[in-house]
């Protein structure tokens, strides 16, 4: 079975700030430690789409931009990504459908933060 080429990102305040600037998403849950400590998360969390973008990067590295432009994806966010995490996206071809890949984003501790499928 074919695997996607993995893509990784070290999450730190600089990476979160860069992503906030790119997306114009300055929600205090991502940017303000004082605000974030009073939320259910207890601390700043990274933008979910920052981790999600790693799946697209992984697919693009594996199949190229043209193939990925027509791809479909369905994922579920299961855990927040925190400052200090390193997240890695990848996937493996489904046994049931050769055009579908079971995709994931995991932390350095193998905690799955995003899971779903990508269809090429």
N, C-alpha and C. Protein backbone atom coordinates (compact mmCIF):
# COMPACT_ATOMS: atom_id res chain seq x y z
N UNK A 1 0.84 -1.19 0.00
CA UNK A 1 0.00 0.00 0.00
C UNK A 1 0.87 1.24 0.00
N UNK A 2 0.44 2.21 -0.74
CA UNK A 2 1.19 3.45 -0.88
C UNK A 2 0.97 4.34 0.33
N UNK A 3 2.02 5.01 0.74
CA UNK A 3 1.95 5.96 1.85
C UNK A 3 2.20 7.37 1.35
N UNK A 4 1.61 8.34 2.04
CA UNK A 4 1.88 9.73 1.73
C UNK A 4 3.24 10.10 2.31
N UNK A 5 3.94 10.99 1.63
CA UNK A 5 5.18 11.54 2.16
C UNK A 5 4.81 12.44 3.34
N UNK A 6 5.39 12.20 4.48
CA UNK A 6 5.03 12.96 5.68
C UNK A 6 5.53 14.41 5.62
N UNK A 7 4.77 15.28 6.29
CA UNK A 7 5.14 16.68 6.47
C UNK A 7 5.02 17.01 7.94
N UNK A 8 6.00 17.74 8.47
CA UNK A 8 6.03 18.06 9.90
C UNK A 8 6.20 19.55 10.13
N UNK A 9 5.83 19.96 11.33
CA UNK A 9 5.96 21.36 11.74
C UNK A 9 6.20 21.42 13.24
N UNK A 10 7.20 22.18 13.64
CA UNK A 10 7.42 22.47 15.06
C UNK A 10 6.57 23.69 15.41
N UNK A 11 5.69 23.52 16.38
CA UNK A 11 4.77 24.58 16.78
C UNK A 11 5.38 25.36 17.94
N UNK A 12 5.57 26.65 17.69
CA UNK A 12 6.08 27.55 18.73
C UNK A 12 5.37 28.90 18.55
N UNK A 13 5.59 29.84 19.46
CA UNK A 13 4.90 31.12 19.33
C UNK A 13 5.14 31.83 18.00
N UNK A 14 6.34 31.70 17.45
CA UNK A 14 6.63 32.34 16.16
C UNK A 14 5.80 31.71 15.04
N UNK A 15 5.69 30.38 15.02
CA UNK A 15 4.90 29.70 13.99
C UNK A 15 3.43 30.07 14.11
N UNK A 16 2.92 30.13 15.34
CA UNK A 16 1.52 30.51 15.56
C UNK A 16 1.29 31.95 15.11
N UNK A 17 2.21 32.85 15.44
CA UNK A 17 2.07 34.26 15.04
C UNK A 17 2.12 34.41 13.52
N UNK A 18 3.01 33.68 12.85
CA UNK A 18 3.08 33.73 11.39
C UNK A 18 1.77 33.26 10.76
N UNK A 19 1.25 32.16 11.30
CA UNK A 19 0.00 31.63 10.76
C UNK A 19 -1.15 32.60 11.00
N UNK A 20 -1.17 33.22 12.17
CA UNK A 20 -2.21 34.21 12.46
C UNK A 20 -2.16 35.36 11.46
N UNK A 21 -0.96 35.81 11.13
CA UNK A 21 -0.80 36.91 10.18
C UNK A 21 -1.25 36.50 8.78
N UNK A 22 -0.92 35.28 8.38
CA UNK A 22 -1.30 34.79 7.05
C UNK A 22 -2.81 34.67 6.93
N UNK A 23 -3.46 34.19 7.97
CA UNK A 23 -4.90 33.92 7.92
C UNK A 23 -5.74 35.07 8.49
N UNK A 24 -5.07 36.06 9.07
CA UNK A 24 -5.76 37.17 9.73
C UNK A 24 -6.67 36.66 10.86
N UNK A 25 -6.21 35.61 11.54
CA UNK A 25 -6.95 35.02 12.67
C UNK A 25 -6.15 35.24 13.95
N UNK A 26 -6.49 36.31 14.63
CA UNK A 26 -5.78 36.68 15.86
C UNK A 26 -6.61 36.36 17.10
N UNK A 27 -7.41 35.33 17.03
CA UNK A 27 -8.22 34.91 18.16
C UNK A 27 -7.30 34.77 19.39
N UNK A 28 -7.69 35.30 20.54
CA UNK A 28 -6.82 35.25 21.72
C UNK A 28 -6.52 33.83 22.21
N UNK A 29 -7.33 32.84 21.84
CA UNK A 29 -7.01 31.46 22.23
C UNK A 29 -5.70 31.01 21.60
N UNK A 30 -5.31 31.66 20.50
CA UNK A 30 -4.07 31.33 19.81
C UNK A 30 -2.92 32.27 20.18
N UNK A 31 -3.27 33.48 20.63
CA UNK A 31 -2.26 34.53 20.73
C UNK A 31 -1.97 35.04 22.15
N UNK A 32 -2.92 34.88 23.06
CA UNK A 32 -2.82 35.54 24.36
C UNK A 32 -2.80 34.52 25.50
N UNK A 33 -1.61 34.24 26.05
CA UNK A 33 -1.51 33.24 27.13
C UNK A 33 -2.38 33.56 28.34
N UNK A 34 -2.51 34.82 28.69
CA UNK A 34 -3.34 35.20 29.84
C UNK A 34 -4.81 34.88 29.58
N UNK A 35 -5.28 35.19 28.40
CA UNK A 35 -6.66 34.85 28.02
C UNK A 35 -6.83 33.33 27.99
N UNK A 36 -5.90 32.66 27.32
CA UNK A 36 -6.01 31.22 27.09
C UNK A 36 -6.00 30.40 28.37
N UNK A 37 -5.30 30.87 29.38
CA UNK A 37 -5.25 30.08 30.63
C UNK A 37 -6.60 30.01 31.32
N UNK A 38 -7.52 30.91 30.98
CA UNK A 38 -8.85 30.91 31.58
C UNK A 38 -9.88 30.19 30.71
N UNK A 39 -9.42 29.47 29.71
CA UNK A 39 -10.31 28.69 28.83
C UNK A 39 -10.23 27.22 29.23
N UNK A 40 -11.12 26.39 28.71
CA UNK A 40 -11.03 24.95 28.99
C UNK A 40 -9.70 24.32 28.54
N UNK A 41 -9.02 24.96 27.59
CA UNK A 41 -7.74 24.42 27.12
C UNK A 41 -6.61 24.71 28.09
N UNK A 42 -6.74 25.77 28.88
CA UNK A 42 -5.75 26.09 29.89
C UNK A 42 -4.48 26.76 29.39
N UNK A 43 -4.34 26.88 28.08
CA UNK A 43 -3.15 27.49 27.49
C UNK A 43 -3.44 27.79 26.03
N UNK A 44 -2.53 28.49 25.41
CA UNK A 44 -2.62 28.79 23.99
C UNK A 44 -2.63 27.48 23.20
N UNK A 45 -3.48 27.45 22.15
CA UNK A 45 -3.48 26.32 21.23
C UNK A 45 -3.23 26.86 19.82
N UNK A 46 -2.66 26.02 18.99
CA UNK A 46 -2.42 26.39 17.60
C UNK A 46 -3.72 26.36 16.81
N UNK A 47 -3.76 27.10 15.73
CA UNK A 47 -4.90 27.08 14.83
C UNK A 47 -5.07 25.66 14.28
N UNK A 48 -6.28 25.16 14.30
CA UNK A 48 -6.51 23.81 13.77
C UNK A 48 -6.15 23.69 12.31
N UNK A 49 -6.42 24.74 11.55
CA UNK A 49 -6.12 24.68 10.12
C UNK A 49 -4.62 24.71 9.84
N UNK A 50 -3.83 25.14 10.79
CA UNK A 50 -2.38 25.10 10.61
C UNK A 50 -1.93 23.63 10.54
N UNK A 51 -2.48 22.81 11.41
CA UNK A 51 -2.16 21.38 11.37
C UNK A 51 -2.80 20.72 10.16
N UNK A 52 -4.02 21.12 9.84
CA UNK A 52 -4.72 20.56 8.69
C UNK A 52 -3.94 20.80 7.40
N UNK A 53 -3.31 21.96 7.30
CA UNK A 53 -2.56 22.28 6.08
C UNK A 53 -1.42 21.29 5.84
N UNK A 54 -0.95 20.64 6.88
CA UNK A 54 0.12 19.65 6.71
C UNK A 54 -0.36 18.44 5.90
N UNK A 55 -1.64 18.09 6.03
CA UNK A 55 -2.17 16.99 5.21
C UNK A 55 -2.11 17.37 3.74
N UNK A 56 -2.51 18.62 3.44
CA UNK A 56 -2.45 19.08 2.05
C UNK A 56 -1.00 19.11 1.55
N UNK A 57 -0.09 19.54 2.41
CA UNK A 57 1.33 19.55 2.02
C UNK A 57 1.82 18.14 1.74
N UNK A 58 1.45 17.22 2.59
CA UNK A 58 1.85 15.82 2.43
C UNK A 58 1.31 15.26 1.11
N UNK A 59 0.04 15.52 0.83
CA UNK A 59 -0.57 15.03 -0.41
C UNK A 59 0.08 15.68 -1.63
N UNK A 60 0.36 16.96 -1.56
CA UNK A 60 0.99 17.66 -2.68
C UNK A 60 2.39 17.11 -2.94
N UNK A 61 3.13 16.85 -1.88
CA UNK A 61 4.47 16.28 -2.05
C UNK A 61 4.40 14.89 -2.67
N UNK A 62 3.32 14.16 -2.40
CA UNK A 62 3.18 12.79 -2.90
C UNK A 62 2.64 12.75 -4.33
N UNK A 63 1.60 13.56 -4.63
CA UNK A 63 0.88 13.44 -5.89
C UNK A 63 1.05 14.63 -6.84
N UNK A 64 1.51 15.77 -6.34
CA UNK A 64 1.62 16.97 -7.15
C UNK A 64 0.39 17.85 -7.03
N UNK A 65 0.58 19.13 -7.39
CA UNK A 65 -0.48 20.14 -7.23
C UNK A 65 -1.72 19.83 -8.05
N UNK A 66 -1.53 19.36 -9.27
CA UNK A 66 -2.67 19.13 -10.16
C UNK A 66 -3.62 18.06 -9.60
N UNK A 67 -3.08 16.97 -9.13
CA UNK A 67 -3.91 15.89 -8.57
C UNK A 67 -4.61 16.34 -7.29
N UNK A 68 -3.90 17.09 -6.47
CA UNK A 68 -4.45 17.52 -5.18
C UNK A 68 -5.53 18.60 -5.36
N UNK A 69 -5.45 19.35 -6.45
CA UNK A 69 -6.45 20.41 -6.69
C UNK A 69 -7.86 19.84 -6.81
N UNK A 70 -7.97 18.57 -7.18
CA UNK A 70 -9.28 17.94 -7.34
C UNK A 70 -9.62 16.98 -6.20
N UNK A 71 -8.80 16.96 -5.17
CA UNK A 71 -8.98 16.02 -4.06
C UNK A 71 -10.15 16.43 -3.17
N UNK A 72 -10.69 15.44 -2.46
CA UNK A 72 -11.72 15.65 -1.45
C UNK A 72 -11.16 15.15 -0.13
N UNK A 73 -11.53 15.84 0.96
CA UNK A 73 -11.04 15.43 2.26
C UNK A 73 -12.17 15.54 3.28
N UNK A 74 -12.16 14.63 4.23
CA UNK A 74 -13.10 14.66 5.35
C UNK A 74 -12.30 14.28 6.59
N UNK A 75 -12.22 15.20 7.55
CA UNK A 75 -11.42 14.94 8.75
C UNK A 75 -12.18 15.35 10.00
N UNK A 76 -11.66 14.87 11.12
CA UNK A 76 -12.19 15.24 12.44
C UNK A 76 -11.01 15.69 13.29
N UNK A 77 -11.19 16.83 13.95
CA UNK A 77 -10.19 17.34 14.89
C UNK A 77 -10.49 16.69 16.24
N UNK A 78 -9.51 16.01 16.83
CA UNK A 78 -9.77 15.28 18.06
C UNK A 78 -9.07 15.86 19.30
N UNK A 79 -7.97 16.57 19.11
CA UNK A 79 -7.24 17.15 20.24
C UNK A 79 -6.59 18.44 19.78
N UNK A 80 -6.39 19.38 20.71
CA UNK A 80 -5.69 20.61 20.33
C UNK A 80 -4.19 20.39 20.20
N UNK A 81 -3.58 21.21 19.38
CA UNK A 81 -2.13 21.23 19.24
C UNK A 81 -1.62 22.38 20.09
N UNK A 82 -0.61 22.10 20.90
CA UNK A 82 -0.12 23.08 21.87
C UNK A 82 1.27 23.59 21.50
N UNK A 83 1.57 24.74 22.03
CA UNK A 83 2.91 25.31 21.89
C UNK A 83 3.93 24.27 22.37
N UNK A 84 4.94 24.04 21.57
CA UNK A 84 5.97 23.05 21.92
C UNK A 84 5.77 21.71 21.24
N UNK A 85 4.58 21.48 20.68
CA UNK A 85 4.35 20.23 19.96
C UNK A 85 5.05 20.26 18.60
N UNK A 86 5.40 19.09 18.13
CA UNK A 86 5.79 18.90 16.74
C UNK A 86 4.73 18.00 16.14
N UNK A 87 4.09 18.47 15.07
CA UNK A 87 3.03 17.70 14.45
C UNK A 87 3.48 17.17 13.10
N UNK A 88 3.03 15.97 12.79
CA UNK A 88 3.40 15.30 11.54
C UNK A 88 2.14 14.75 10.89
N UNK A 89 1.99 15.06 9.59
CA UNK A 89 0.86 14.56 8.82
C UNK A 89 1.34 13.49 7.85
N UNK A 90 0.47 12.55 7.59
CA UNK A 90 0.75 11.51 6.63
C UNK A 90 -0.51 10.70 6.38
N UNK A 91 -0.34 9.58 5.75
CA UNK A 91 -1.48 8.72 5.48
C UNK A 91 -1.07 7.49 4.72
N UNK A 92 -2.03 6.59 4.61
CA UNK A 92 -1.80 5.33 3.93
C UNK A 92 -3.00 4.99 3.07
N UNK A 93 -2.74 4.41 1.92
CA UNK A 93 -3.78 4.02 0.99
C UNK A 93 -4.76 3.07 1.68
N UNK A 94 -6.04 3.31 1.45
CA UNK A 94 -7.09 2.47 2.03
C UNK A 94 -7.11 1.11 1.35
N UNK A 95 -7.37 0.08 2.11
CA UNK A 95 -7.47 -1.27 1.56
C UNK A 95 -8.72 -1.42 0.70
N UNK A 96 -9.74 -0.62 0.98
CA UNK A 96 -11.03 -0.73 0.27
C UNK A 96 -11.12 0.09 -1.01
N UNK A 97 -10.31 1.16 -1.10
CA UNK A 97 -10.43 2.08 -2.24
C UNK A 97 -9.03 2.61 -2.57
N UNK A 98 -8.49 2.28 -3.73
CA UNK A 98 -7.12 2.71 -4.05
C UNK A 98 -6.97 4.22 -4.23
N UNK A 99 -8.08 4.95 -4.39
CA UNK A 99 -8.02 6.41 -4.53
C UNK A 99 -8.19 7.13 -3.20
N UNK A 100 -8.44 6.39 -2.13
CA UNK A 100 -8.66 6.98 -0.81
C UNK A 100 -7.48 6.67 0.10
N UNK A 101 -7.11 7.67 0.87
CA UNK A 101 -6.02 7.54 1.84
C UNK A 101 -6.54 7.88 3.22
N UNK A 102 -6.24 7.02 4.18
CA UNK A 102 -6.54 7.31 5.58
C UNK A 102 -5.45 8.25 6.06
N UNK A 103 -5.85 9.47 6.44
CA UNK A 103 -4.88 10.50 6.79
C UNK A 103 -4.93 10.84 8.27
N UNK A 104 -3.85 11.43 8.74
CA UNK A 104 -3.73 11.77 10.15
C UNK A 104 -2.79 12.96 10.32
N UNK A 105 -2.90 13.57 11.47
CA UNK A 105 -1.88 14.46 12.01
C UNK A 105 -1.66 14.00 13.44
N UNK A 106 -0.40 13.74 13.78
CA UNK A 106 -0.03 13.25 15.12
C UNK A 106 1.00 14.18 15.73
N UNK A 107 1.02 14.19 17.06
CA UNK A 107 2.07 14.92 17.77
C UNK A 107 3.29 14.03 17.93
N UNK A 108 4.32 14.60 18.50
CA UNK A 108 5.56 13.86 18.77
C UNK A 108 5.33 12.70 19.73
N UNK A 109 4.20 12.71 20.46
CA UNK A 109 3.87 11.63 21.39
C UNK A 109 2.90 10.62 20.78
N UNK A 110 2.71 10.71 19.47
CA UNK A 110 1.76 9.85 18.73
C UNK A 110 0.31 10.10 19.11
N UNK A 111 0.00 11.25 19.70
CA UNK A 111 -1.40 11.62 19.94
C UNK A 111 -1.99 12.07 18.62
N UNK A 112 -3.08 11.45 18.20
CA UNK A 112 -3.74 11.82 16.95
C UNK A 112 -4.57 13.07 17.21
N UNK A 113 -4.27 14.14 16.46
CA UNK A 113 -5.01 15.40 16.62
C UNK A 113 -5.99 15.63 15.48
N UNK A 114 -5.75 14.99 14.33
CA UNK A 114 -6.65 15.04 13.20
C UNK A 114 -6.64 13.66 12.53
N UNK A 115 -7.84 13.18 12.17
CA UNK A 115 -7.92 11.88 11.51
C UNK A 115 -9.07 11.93 10.50
N UNK A 116 -8.88 11.27 9.38
CA UNK A 116 -9.94 11.23 8.38
C UNK A 116 -9.47 10.59 7.10
N UNK A 117 -10.04 11.06 5.97
CA UNK A 117 -9.65 10.50 4.69
C UNK A 117 -9.46 11.60 3.65
N UNK A 118 -8.68 11.24 2.66
CA UNK A 118 -8.40 12.10 1.51
C UNK A 118 -8.60 11.24 0.27
N UNK A 119 -9.37 11.76 -0.67
CA UNK A 119 -9.61 11.02 -1.89
C UNK A 119 -9.00 11.76 -3.06
N UNK A 120 -8.14 11.08 -3.79
CA UNK A 120 -7.44 11.66 -4.95
C UNK A 120 -8.11 11.17 -6.22
